[in-house]
Protein backbone atom coordinates (compact mmCIF):
# COMPACT_ATOMS: atom_id res chain seq x y z
CA MET A 1 -9.91 -0.67 26.53
CA TYR A 2 -10.83 -3.73 28.49
CA VAL A 3 -8.60 -6.78 28.55
CA PRO A 4 -10.56 -9.63 30.12
CA LEU A 5 -8.54 -12.05 32.16
CA ALA A 6 -9.48 -15.12 34.17
CA LEU A 7 -9.65 -15.50 37.92
CA PRO A 8 -9.63 -19.18 39.05
CA PHE A 9 -11.31 -20.30 42.24
CA ALA A 10 -10.57 -23.63 43.92
CA THR A 11 -11.53 -23.97 47.53
CA LEU A 12 -13.19 -26.26 50.03
CA ALA A 13 -16.47 -24.54 49.16
CA LEU A 14 -16.60 -26.42 45.89
CA VAL A 15 -16.11 -29.78 47.60
CA LEU A 16 -18.95 -29.02 49.96
CA LEU A 17 -21.35 -27.41 47.48
CA LEU A 18 -20.97 -29.36 44.27
CA SER A 19 -22.45 -32.76 43.63
CA SER A 20 -20.23 -35.78 43.15
CA GLY A 21 -18.17 -36.10 40.00
CA SER A 22 -15.82 -33.64 38.36
CA ILE A 23 -17.19 -30.42 36.94
CA ALA A 24 -14.84 -30.70 33.98
CA ALA A 25 -16.29 -34.07 33.03
CA GLU A 26 -19.81 -32.75 33.47
CA VAL A 27 -19.12 -29.74 31.27
CA ASP A 28 -17.53 -31.87 28.56
CA ALA A 29 -20.45 -34.29 28.58
CA THR A 30 -23.13 -31.63 28.42
CA ALA A 31 -25.38 -31.80 25.39
CA MET A 32 -26.65 -28.50 24.05
CA PRO A 33 -29.63 -29.08 21.76
CA GLY A 34 -30.56 -25.39 21.95
CA GLU A 35 -29.21 -22.19 23.41
CA ALA A 36 -29.01 -22.37 27.19
CA VAL A 37 -28.10 -18.70 27.53
CA LEU A 38 -31.15 -16.41 27.60
CA THR A 39 -31.11 -13.48 25.19
CA LEU A 40 -32.30 -10.29 26.85
CA ASP A 41 -32.90 -6.78 25.55
CA ALA A 42 -34.56 -3.56 26.65
CA GLY A 43 -37.98 -5.10 26.05
CA ASN A 44 -37.74 -8.16 28.30
CA PHE A 45 -34.81 -7.41 30.64
CA SER A 46 -36.73 -6.11 33.65
CA GLU A 47 -39.40 -8.80 33.44
CA VAL A 48 -36.85 -11.63 33.39
CA VAL A 49 -34.50 -10.20 36.03
CA THR A 50 -37.25 -9.49 38.56
CA LYS A 51 -38.28 -13.14 38.43
CA HIS A 52 -34.89 -14.38 39.62
CA GLU A 53 -33.19 -14.15 42.99
CA PHE A 54 -29.91 -14.84 41.20
CA ILE A 55 -29.12 -14.31 37.52
CA VAL A 56 -25.90 -13.69 35.60
CA VAL A 57 -25.92 -11.33 32.62
CA GLU A 58 -23.14 -10.84 30.08
CA PHE A 59 -23.06 -7.50 28.27
CA TYR A 60 -21.26 -8.05 24.97
CA ALA A 61 -20.52 -6.45 21.60
CA PRO A 62 -20.85 -8.51 18.40
CA TRP A 63 -17.45 -7.32 17.11
CA CYS A 64 -15.55 -8.01 20.35
CA GLY A 65 -12.97 -10.80 19.98
CA HIS A 66 -12.98 -11.61 23.71
CA CYS A 67 -16.79 -11.89 23.63
CA LYS A 68 -16.53 -14.36 20.75
CA GLU A 69 -14.00 -16.44 22.70
CA LEU A 70 -16.24 -16.44 25.77
CA ALA A 71 -19.47 -17.35 23.95
CA PRO A 72 -19.03 -21.17 23.67
CA GLU A 73 -17.69 -21.45 27.23
CA TYR A 74 -20.54 -19.33 28.57
CA GLU A 75 -23.03 -21.53 26.70
CA LYS A 76 -21.51 -24.75 28.06
CA ALA A 77 -21.63 -23.37 31.60
CA ALA A 78 -25.25 -22.31 31.15
CA SER A 79 -26.15 -25.84 30.04
CA VAL A 80 -24.69 -27.27 33.25
CA LEU A 81 -25.98 -24.61 35.62
CA ARG A 82 -29.58 -24.73 34.44
CA LYS A 83 -29.73 -28.36 35.62
CA ARG A 84 -28.65 -27.47 39.16
CA ASP A 85 -31.08 -27.35 42.04
CA PRO A 86 -31.89 -24.54 42.20
CA PRO A 87 -30.96 -23.72 38.59
CA VAL A 88 -28.57 -20.84 37.89
CA VAL A 89 -29.64 -18.74 34.91
CA LEU A 90 -27.13 -17.19 32.50
CA ALA A 91 -28.21 -14.47 30.08
CA LYS A 92 -26.69 -12.04 27.59
CA VAL A 93 -27.41 -8.55 26.24
CA ASP A 94 -26.06 -6.96 23.07
CA ALA A 95 -24.80 -3.77 24.70
CA TYR A 96 -23.64 -2.38 21.37
CA ASP A 97 -27.24 -2.21 20.14
CA GLU A 98 -28.46 1.39 20.51
CA ASN A 99 -31.82 0.05 21.72
CA ASN A 100 -30.05 -1.33 24.80
CA LYS A 101 -28.05 1.82 25.59
CA GLU A 102 -30.06 2.56 28.75
CA LEU A 103 -29.25 -0.91 30.08
CA LYS A 104 -25.57 -0.45 29.27
CA ASP A 105 -25.51 2.88 31.09
CA LYS A 106 -27.51 1.62 34.05
CA TYR A 107 -25.15 -1.29 34.64
CA LYS A 108 -22.02 0.83 33.99
CA VAL A 109 -20.71 -1.21 31.09
CA HIS A 110 -17.40 0.36 30.01
CA GLY A 111 -15.75 -2.62 28.32
CA TYR A 112 -16.63 -5.94 26.76
CA PRO A 113 -17.44 -8.51 27.86
CA ALA A 114 -18.89 -7.19 31.13
CA ILE A 115 -20.52 -9.85 33.30
CA LYS A 116 -22.81 -8.85 36.14
CA ILE A 117 -24.23 -10.96 38.95
CA ILE A 118 -27.71 -9.66 39.73
CA ARG A 119 -29.40 -10.72 42.95
CA LYS A 120 -32.78 -10.11 44.59
CA GLY A 121 -34.64 -9.23 41.42
CA GLY A 122 -32.21 -6.50 40.44
CA SER A 123 -31.65 -4.71 43.75
CA ASP A 124 -28.13 -6.12 44.30
CA VAL A 125 -25.62 -5.96 41.44
CA SER A 126 -21.94 -6.95 41.53
CA ALA A 127 -19.26 -7.60 38.95
CA TYR A 128 -18.39 -11.18 38.04
CA GLY A 129 -14.81 -11.90 39.11
CA GLY A 130 -14.37 -15.47 37.98
CA PRO A 131 -12.77 -17.46 35.16
CA ARG A 132 -13.79 -17.33 31.50
CA ASP A 133 -13.81 -21.09 30.82
CA ALA A 134 -16.89 -23.26 31.29
CA GLU A 135 -15.54 -25.29 34.20
CA GLY A 136 -14.35 -22.18 36.02
CA ILE A 137 -17.63 -20.34 35.44
CA VAL A 138 -19.60 -23.22 36.94
CA GLU A 139 -17.31 -23.51 39.96
CA TYR A 140 -17.32 -19.79 40.65
CA LEU A 141 -21.07 -19.33 40.33
CA MET A 142 -21.88 -22.35 42.49
CA ARG A 143 -19.75 -20.70 45.16
CA GLN A 144 -21.71 -17.46 44.73
CA VAL A 145 -25.10 -19.06 45.27
CA GLY A 146 -23.91 -20.82 48.44
CA PRO A 147 -23.12 -19.27 51.82
CA ALA A 148 -20.98 -16.15 51.74
CA SER A 149 -18.54 -17.69 54.24
CA LEU A 150 -17.83 -21.34 54.94
CA GLU A 151 -16.65 -22.96 58.16
CA ILE A 152 -13.14 -24.43 58.38
CA LYS A 153 -13.16 -27.34 60.80
CA SER A 154 -9.77 -29.01 60.32
CA ALA A 155 -6.24 -28.42 59.12
CA VAL A 156 -7.14 -30.35 55.95
CA ASP A 157 -10.01 -27.93 55.31
CA ALA A 158 -7.66 -25.02 55.91
CA SER A 159 -5.00 -26.29 53.48
CA ARG A 160 -7.63 -26.75 50.78
CA SER A 161 -9.14 -23.33 51.37
CA ILE A 162 -6.00 -21.22 51.84
CA GLY A 163 -3.58 -21.66 49.00
CA ASP A 164 -1.00 -19.41 47.39
CA LYS A 165 -3.44 -17.84 44.93
CA GLY A 166 -5.69 -14.90 45.66
CA VAL A 167 -6.74 -13.20 48.87
CA VAL A 168 -8.56 -15.22 51.54
CA LEU A 169 -10.29 -13.87 54.66
CA VAL A 170 -10.75 -16.06 57.73
CA GLY A 171 -12.73 -14.91 60.73
CA VAL A 172 -11.65 -16.50 64.03
CA PHE A 173 -14.38 -16.49 66.68
CA PRO A 174 -14.90 -18.00 70.15
CA GLU A 175 -18.45 -18.74 68.99
CA PHE A 176 -20.48 -18.13 65.86
CA ALA A 177 -22.56 -15.39 67.39
CA GLY A 178 -22.29 -11.77 68.46
CA ILE A 179 -21.80 -8.45 66.72
CA GLU A 180 -18.29 -9.30 65.46
CA TYR A 181 -19.51 -12.47 63.77
CA GLU A 182 -22.57 -10.72 62.33
CA ASN A 183 -20.53 -7.85 60.90
CA PHE A 184 -18.03 -10.27 59.38
CA MET A 185 -20.83 -12.21 57.69
CA ALA A 186 -22.46 -9.02 56.40
CA VAL A 187 -19.20 -7.86 54.80
CA ALA A 188 -18.57 -11.34 53.40
CA ASN A 189 -21.95 -11.20 51.67
CA LYS A 190 -21.16 -7.81 50.10
CA MET A 191 -17.60 -8.63 48.99
CA ARG A 192 -17.94 -12.29 48.12
CA THR A 193 -17.54 -11.74 44.36
CA ASP A 194 -13.97 -10.51 44.85
CA TYR A 195 -12.72 -12.43 47.90
CA ASP A 196 -13.06 -15.84 49.54
CA PHE A 197 -14.42 -15.84 53.09
CA PHE A 198 -14.19 -18.53 55.76
CA HIS A 199 -14.73 -18.72 59.51
CA THR A 200 -13.45 -21.00 62.24
CA LEU A 201 -13.45 -21.57 65.99
CA ASP A 202 -9.85 -22.79 66.04
CA ALA A 203 -6.96 -20.58 64.89
CA SER A 204 -4.47 -23.37 65.50
CA ILE A 205 -5.55 -25.15 62.32
CA LEU A 206 -4.68 -22.13 60.17
CA PRO A 207 -1.32 -21.82 58.40
CA ARG A 208 1.16 -19.12 59.51
CA GLY A 209 0.99 -16.76 62.45
CA ASP A 210 0.31 -17.20 66.16
CA LEU A 211 -1.52 -20.49 66.55
CA THR A 212 -2.69 -19.65 70.09
CA VAL A 213 -4.99 -16.82 68.96
CA LYS A 214 -8.55 -17.31 70.16
CA GLY A 215 -10.26 -14.38 68.47
CA PRO A 216 -12.28 -12.64 67.58
CA LEU A 217 -9.96 -11.51 64.78
CA ILE A 218 -9.78 -11.48 61.01
CA ARG A 219 -6.75 -12.99 59.32
CA LEU A 220 -6.15 -11.95 55.71
CA PHE A 221 -4.00 -14.37 53.71
CA LYS A 222 -2.36 -13.18 50.50
CA PRO A 223 0.30 -14.49 48.09
CA PHE A 224 2.32 -11.26 48.17
CA ASP A 225 4.03 -8.78 50.50
CA GLU A 226 3.92 -9.99 54.13
CA LEU A 227 1.70 -13.03 53.28
CA PHE A 228 -0.82 -12.47 56.08
CA VAL A 229 -2.06 -9.69 58.34
CA ASP A 230 -4.54 -9.58 61.24
CA SER A 231 -7.20 -7.11 62.33
CA GLN A 232 -9.41 -6.99 65.42
CA ASP A 233 -11.57 -4.03 64.33
CA PHE A 234 -15.00 -5.46 63.53
CA ASP A 235 -16.77 -2.26 62.56
CA SER A 236 -18.27 -2.99 59.11
CA ASP A 237 -16.57 -0.05 57.41
CA ALA A 238 -13.28 -0.88 59.12
CA ILE A 239 -13.45 -4.48 57.87
CA LYS A 240 -14.00 -3.29 54.29
CA LYS A 241 -11.11 -0.83 54.49
CA PHE A 242 -8.86 -3.48 56.03
CA ILE A 243 -9.60 -5.85 53.14
CA GLU A 244 -9.19 -3.22 50.43
CA VAL A 245 -5.92 -1.86 51.81
CA SER A 246 -4.24 -5.01 53.13
CA GLY A 247 -5.54 -7.17 50.29
CA PHE A 248 -3.94 -5.02 47.58
CA PRO A 249 -0.31 -5.62 46.55
CA THR A 250 2.33 -2.92 46.91
CA VAL A 251 3.32 -3.66 43.30
CA VAL A 252 0.64 -5.14 41.04
CA THR A 253 1.74 -7.91 38.66
CA PHE A 254 0.41 -7.97 35.10
CA ASN A 255 1.09 -11.47 33.77
CA ALA A 256 -0.75 -14.62 32.73
CA ASP A 257 -1.81 -15.42 36.31
CA PRO A 258 -5.60 -14.85 36.29
CA THR A 259 -5.75 -14.18 40.04
CA ASN A 260 -4.31 -10.74 39.34
CA HIS A 261 -7.34 -9.66 37.31
CA LYS A 262 -9.09 -7.70 40.03
CA PHE A 263 -5.84 -6.08 41.14
CA ILE A 264 -5.18 -4.86 37.60
CA GLU A 265 -8.71 -3.45 37.29
CA ARG A 266 -8.39 -1.63 40.59
CA TYR A 267 -4.90 -0.41 39.73
CA TYR A 268 -6.14 1.34 36.59
CA SER A 269 -9.21 2.77 38.32
CA THR A 270 -7.24 4.32 41.22
CA PRO A 271 -6.88 8.13 40.92
CA SER A 272 -3.09 8.28 41.14
CA ALA A 273 -0.06 8.46 38.88
CA LYS A 274 0.71 5.05 37.38
CA ALA A 275 4.28 3.76 37.29
CA MET A 276 4.44 0.70 35.03
CA LEU A 277 7.54 -1.36 34.40
CA PHE A 278 7.27 -3.60 31.33
CA LEU A 279 9.83 -6.31 30.60
CA ARG A 280 10.05 -9.92 29.54
CA PHE A 281 9.60 -12.15 32.55
CA ASN A 282 12.19 -14.57 31.15
CA ASP A 283 14.79 -11.79 31.40
CA ASP A 284 17.51 -12.96 33.78
CA ARG A 285 17.30 -9.56 35.53
CA VAL A 286 13.61 -9.88 36.36
CA GLU A 287 14.11 -10.49 40.09
CA THR A 288 16.44 -7.50 40.33
CA PHE A 289 13.88 -5.34 38.55
CA LYS A 290 11.12 -6.54 40.90
CA SER A 291 13.28 -5.76 43.92
CA GLN A 292 13.98 -2.25 42.61
CA MET A 293 10.28 -1.67 41.89
CA HIS A 294 9.31 -2.66 45.44
CA GLU A 295 12.04 -0.44 46.84
CA ALA A 296 10.78 2.45 44.69
CA ALA A 297 7.25 1.88 46.01
CA ARG A 298 8.61 1.95 49.57
CA GLN A 299 10.73 5.06 49.11
CA LEU A 300 8.14 7.02 47.15
CA SER A 301 5.01 5.94 49.04
CA GLY A 302 4.04 9.51 49.91
CA ASN A 303 3.85 10.72 46.30
CA ASN A 304 0.47 9.25 45.24
CA ILE A 305 1.97 6.78 42.78
CA SER A 306 0.70 3.25 42.11
CA PHE A 307 3.19 0.65 40.89
CA LEU A 308 2.85 -2.22 38.41
CA ILE A 309 5.26 -4.63 36.77
CA GLY A 310 4.09 -6.32 33.58
CA ASP A 311 5.19 -9.17 31.35
CA VAL A 312 5.16 -7.61 27.89
CA SER A 313 4.21 -10.94 26.29
CA THR A 314 0.97 -10.92 28.32
CA ALA A 315 0.37 -7.18 28.35
CA ASP A 316 0.74 -6.75 24.59
CA ARG A 317 -2.73 -5.20 24.26
CA ALA A 318 -1.94 -2.63 26.93
CA PHE A 319 1.44 -2.01 25.32
CA GLU A 320 -0.22 -1.40 21.97
CA TYR A 321 -2.79 0.89 23.61
CA PHE A 322 -0.03 3.10 25.01
CA GLY A 323 1.69 3.25 21.62
CA LEU A 324 4.85 1.49 22.77
CA LYS A 325 7.29 -0.89 21.06
CA GLU A 326 8.43 -4.23 22.45
CA SER A 327 11.95 -3.32 21.38
CA ASP A 328 11.90 -0.62 24.08
CA VAL A 329 11.69 -3.08 26.98
CA PRO A 330 12.68 -3.04 29.77
CA LEU A 331 10.66 0.16 29.80
CA LEU A 332 9.35 2.27 32.66
CA LEU A 333 6.22 4.25 31.87
CA VAL A 334 4.58 6.82 34.14
CA LEU A 335 1.06 8.03 33.38
CA ALA A 336 0.13 11.20 35.25
CA SER A 337 -2.20 14.17 34.94
CA THR A 338 0.75 16.13 33.54
CA GLY A 339 1.43 13.66 30.75
CA LYS A 340 3.13 10.39 29.86
CA TYR A 341 6.81 9.80 30.66
CA LEU A 342 9.05 7.05 29.25
CA ASN A 343 12.38 5.53 30.19
CA PRO A 344 13.08 2.86 27.52
CA THR A 345 15.73 0.12 27.47
CA MET A 346 16.63 0.86 31.06
CA GLU A 347 18.81 -0.98 33.57
CA PRO A 348 17.61 -1.90 37.09
CA ASP A 349 19.81 0.69 38.82
CA GLN A 350 18.24 3.48 36.71
CA LEU A 351 14.74 2.87 38.05
CA ILE A 352 14.71 4.77 41.35
CA PRO A 353 16.86 7.74 40.19
CA TRP A 354 14.61 8.19 37.13
CA MET A 355 11.45 8.01 39.26
CA LYS A 356 12.87 10.75 41.48
CA GLN A 357 13.52 12.90 38.39
CA TYR A 358 9.83 12.46 37.51
CA ILE A 359 8.81 13.54 41.02
CA TYR A 360 11.12 16.59 40.85
CA GLY A 361 9.44 17.65 37.58
CA ASN A 362 12.62 17.33 35.52
CA LEU A 363 11.22 15.09 32.75
CA THR A 364 9.60 16.05 29.45
CA PRO A 365 6.29 14.31 28.63
CA TYR A 366 6.18 11.91 25.71
CA VAL A 367 3.40 12.39 23.15
CA LYS A 368 2.28 9.56 20.87
CA SER A 369 1.62 10.92 17.40
CA GLU A 370 1.30 9.79 13.84
CA SER A 371 3.46 11.63 11.32
CA ILE A 372 2.13 14.98 10.15
CA PRO A 373 0.69 14.46 6.65
CA LYS A 374 2.85 15.95 3.89
CA VAL A 375 -0.33 16.61 1.89
CA ASN A 376 -3.50 17.51 3.77
CA ASP A 377 -5.80 18.89 1.08
CA GLN A 378 -8.84 16.65 1.44
CA PRO A 379 -12.18 18.19 2.57
CA VAL A 380 -11.81 16.52 6.00
CA LYS A 381 -8.40 17.50 7.32
CA VAL A 382 -6.19 14.99 9.14
CA VAL A 383 -5.14 15.98 12.64
CA VAL A 384 -2.41 14.20 14.60
CA ALA A 385 -1.08 14.92 18.07
CA ASP A 386 1.87 16.88 16.65
CA ASN A 387 -0.28 19.30 14.63
CA ILE A 388 -3.43 19.65 16.72
CA ASP A 389 -2.33 23.03 18.07
CA GLU A 390 -1.70 24.33 14.55
CA ILE A 391 -4.97 23.11 13.03
CA VAL A 392 -7.32 23.48 16.01
CA PHE A 393 -6.20 25.77 18.81
CA ASN A 394 -3.96 28.27 16.99
CA SER A 395 -5.63 28.45 13.59
CA GLY A 396 -8.08 31.22 14.46
CA LYS A 397 -10.80 29.14 12.80
CA ASN A 398 -13.93 27.28 13.87
CA VAL A 399 -13.00 23.61 13.90
CA LEU A 400 -15.22 20.53 14.13
CA LEU A 401 -12.91 17.67 15.16
CA GLU A 402 -13.90 14.00 15.15
CA PHE A 403 -12.03 11.47 17.28
CA TYR A 404 -12.45 8.04 15.73
CA ALA A 405 -11.14 4.49 15.83
CA PRO A 406 -10.43 2.55 12.61
CA TRP A 407 -12.32 -0.50 13.92
CA CYS A 408 -15.42 1.46 15.00
CA GLY A 409 -18.54 0.73 12.93
CA HIS A 410 -20.29 3.93 13.95
CA CYS A 411 -17.22 5.92 12.91
CA ARG A 412 -17.37 4.34 9.46
CA LYS A 413 -21.04 5.32 9.17
CA LEU A 414 -20.26 8.88 10.21
CA ALA A 415 -17.35 9.30 7.75
CA PRO A 416 -19.41 10.07 4.60
CA ILE A 417 -21.62 12.46 6.58
CA LEU A 418 -18.61 14.47 7.76
CA GLU A 419 -17.28 14.38 4.21
CA GLU A 420 -20.60 15.85 3.03
CA VAL A 421 -20.42 18.60 5.66
CA ALA A 422 -16.83 19.40 4.70
CA VAL A 423 -17.66 19.61 0.97
CA LEU A 424 -20.65 21.86 1.57
CA LEU A 425 -18.55 24.18 3.76
CA GLN A 426 -15.32 24.06 1.76
CA ASP A 427 -15.78 27.66 0.53
CA ASP A 428 -16.12 28.90 4.11
CA LYS A 429 -12.54 29.81 5.03
CA ASP A 430 -13.45 30.20 8.71
CA VAL A 431 -14.60 26.59 9.19
CA VAL A 432 -12.48 23.44 9.26
CA ILE A 433 -13.79 19.87 9.43
CA ALA A 434 -11.12 17.51 10.76
CA LYS A 435 -10.54 14.03 12.19
CA MET A 436 -8.01 12.34 14.47
CA ASP A 437 -7.36 8.63 14.97
CA GLY A 438 -7.73 8.39 18.75
CA THR A 439 -6.01 4.99 18.83
CA ALA A 440 -2.81 6.22 17.14
CA ASN A 441 -2.45 9.63 18.81
CA ASP A 442 -2.49 10.90 22.37
CA ILE A 443 -5.65 12.95 22.87
CA PRO A 444 -5.08 16.23 24.75
CA THR A 445 -6.68 16.47 28.16
CA ASP A 446 -8.83 19.35 26.84
CA PHE A 447 -11.04 16.64 25.36
CA SER A 448 -12.91 14.00 27.33
CA VAL A 449 -13.16 11.09 24.91
CA GLU A 450 -14.85 8.08 26.49
CA GLY A 451 -15.86 6.36 23.28
CA TYR A 452 -15.84 6.64 19.50
CA PRO A 453 -16.84 8.57 17.54
CA ALA A 454 -16.59 11.75 19.62
CA LEU A 455 -17.17 15.18 18.03
CA TYR A 456 -15.87 18.42 19.50
CA PHE A 457 -16.30 21.96 18.16
CA TYR A 458 -13.70 24.63 18.82
CA SER A 459 -15.05 28.16 18.36
CA SER A 460 -12.73 30.90 17.10
CA SER A 461 -14.48 33.35 19.39
CA GLY A 462 -13.31 32.93 22.98
CA GLY A 463 -11.87 29.48 22.34
CA ASN A 464 -14.99 27.66 23.52
CA LEU A 465 -14.75 23.86 23.27
CA LEU A 466 -18.11 22.12 22.93
CA LEU A 467 -19.06 18.46 22.70
CA TYR A 468 -21.48 17.76 19.85
CA ASP A 469 -24.01 15.17 20.96
CA GLY A 470 -26.73 15.82 18.40
CA PRO A 471 -28.04 13.67 15.53
CA ARG A 472 -25.59 12.33 12.97
CA LYS A 473 -27.10 14.29 10.09
CA ALA A 474 -25.25 16.76 7.91
CA ASP A 475 -27.90 19.48 8.27
CA GLU A 476 -27.93 19.12 12.08
CA ILE A 477 -24.13 19.32 12.26
CA ILE A 478 -24.05 22.41 10.02
CA SER A 479 -26.76 24.03 12.13
CA PHE A 480 -24.67 23.37 15.25
CA ILE A 481 -21.60 24.93 13.61
CA LYS A 482 -23.59 28.00 12.57
CA LYS A 483 -25.01 28.46 16.06
CA ASN A 484 -21.71 28.10 17.91
CA ARG A 485 -19.09 29.52 15.53
CA GLY A 486 -17.14 32.64 16.40
CA ALA A 487 -19.36 35.72 16.53
CA LYS A 488 -17.36 37.73 13.98
CA ALA A 489 -17.26 34.95 11.45
CA ALA A 490 -20.91 34.12 11.98
CA ALA A 491 -22.00 37.69 11.21
CA ALA A 492 -20.14 37.64 7.90
CA GLU A 493 -21.40 34.26 6.80
CA VAL A 494 -25.04 34.06 7.91
CA THR A 495 -26.41 34.25 4.37
CA GLN A 496 -23.96 31.67 3.09
CA MET A 497 -24.76 29.28 5.94
CA ASP A 498 -28.49 29.60 5.34
CA ASP A 499 -27.98 28.74 1.69
CA VAL A 500 -25.87 25.73 2.59
CA GLU A 501 -28.47 24.39 5.00
CA GLU A 502 -31.11 24.44 2.27
CA GLU A 503 -28.90 22.23 0.09
CA VAL A 504 -28.30 19.56 2.76
CA THR A 505 -30.24 16.31 2.67
CA SER A 506 -29.54 13.15 4.60
CA SER A 507 -31.36 9.90 5.21
CA THR A 508 -29.12 8.90 8.11
CA PRO A 509 -31.25 8.11 11.17
CA SER A 510 -30.85 10.23 14.27
CA GLU A 511 -28.26 8.67 16.57
CA SER A 512 -26.35 9.59 19.68
CA VAL A 513 -22.90 10.65 18.54
CA ARG A 514 -20.85 9.10 21.32
CA ASP A 515 -20.56 5.36 21.51
CA GLU A 516 -18.79 3.57 24.34
CA LEU A 517 -15.71 1.50 23.52
């Protein structure tokens, strides 16, 4: 699941780089006689991208609600940016089209919409980290085509550049030359999509800290934790590590503030246990909860746990994804390799003791599951989290299990094919065709489901678990079952399976089974 958020950018860079007049007024006044956004696909992508030193490409899915919301804003921004000198080109690719699958994989598109900034004809690719409204898109991209770091010359410049939103890096130098300055500029160029970079000769004009500092040093400003921190290590790798570590909050906030977008993305991509406190931010105990969460992060810092506090009204999509109820808040959720752990309707003073119980291994994992069907006599059996052991792992049978999502178009296309397979094999008592709604049930870690539909085959002989990635045709699926079923059962049913294969016909085109979310 990908929940796109916005990340506003308002700095001195815009004053210096943009022409006179407000961007908002310019966007509103823009006429769009035709589409300003280029439509790319596998056939023309390389040709177009190699022609541009700087191009922005949105990878979208036609069914994605967030993509639909972005479309008119993206178009308005493209209409403005194409008139700039030099023009900034915006393009889009239907990443859900099977013909564009190689492009989706190449650019590591795991959610929609995914916007990539592509520089130097395709040799330099970075993720777009800006807003999702037309004015914000224009502002952010004009900053990206300008210098990676801008000079701060006065206290007025500094106050405009360093606000209370986002992370800002300022390099302080005795002169704009030397290895320290060069390394700072090189890192700024590589990390500019996620952070704002500035440089100055005068530390006294900067807010906070020792105003007598002459440099060289890097001062990182942030709207959380200790508010600013300095480093004097100008090795390129050391600068990157300093930014990544010092520029990340001890407790990530999931709310309507778009500046938290990149922190949320990084939080979920970090290989650690995730402790997430969800509550309503208008709760009169919110500050007490925040204090307890920070104290938990401090006390438990050596246990490889990342901490987040979320406003349930903003994080409703994430809440739904985890199968939780708003009536359970305040709720503390821990996601770990050993399972999912819940502490619903908790009080602030329960937070740290409960976290310690998790660390001691004294908690029982929570499993999200639909109810076990009272009647399960259809050709394709229904599997839920609470009966997967019974139907799949402990049945002694060969089981083909589909993980699907109700909203998935490819899953709907596959449904009648699996039904056909199940009907043709219904007299084979050693084979079960089954399905599980992956959005309503926790999927065991035995399965690696990265998209829907996903098909796995469990063999009764040796308990082998195989991913089926062949064509979506009934005869191909049956052939796969015959080849990989338990040896004992296969010997007894060879003749029957051969007869079944001769009966199977399908006009469904060959497709890759797995489809990214």
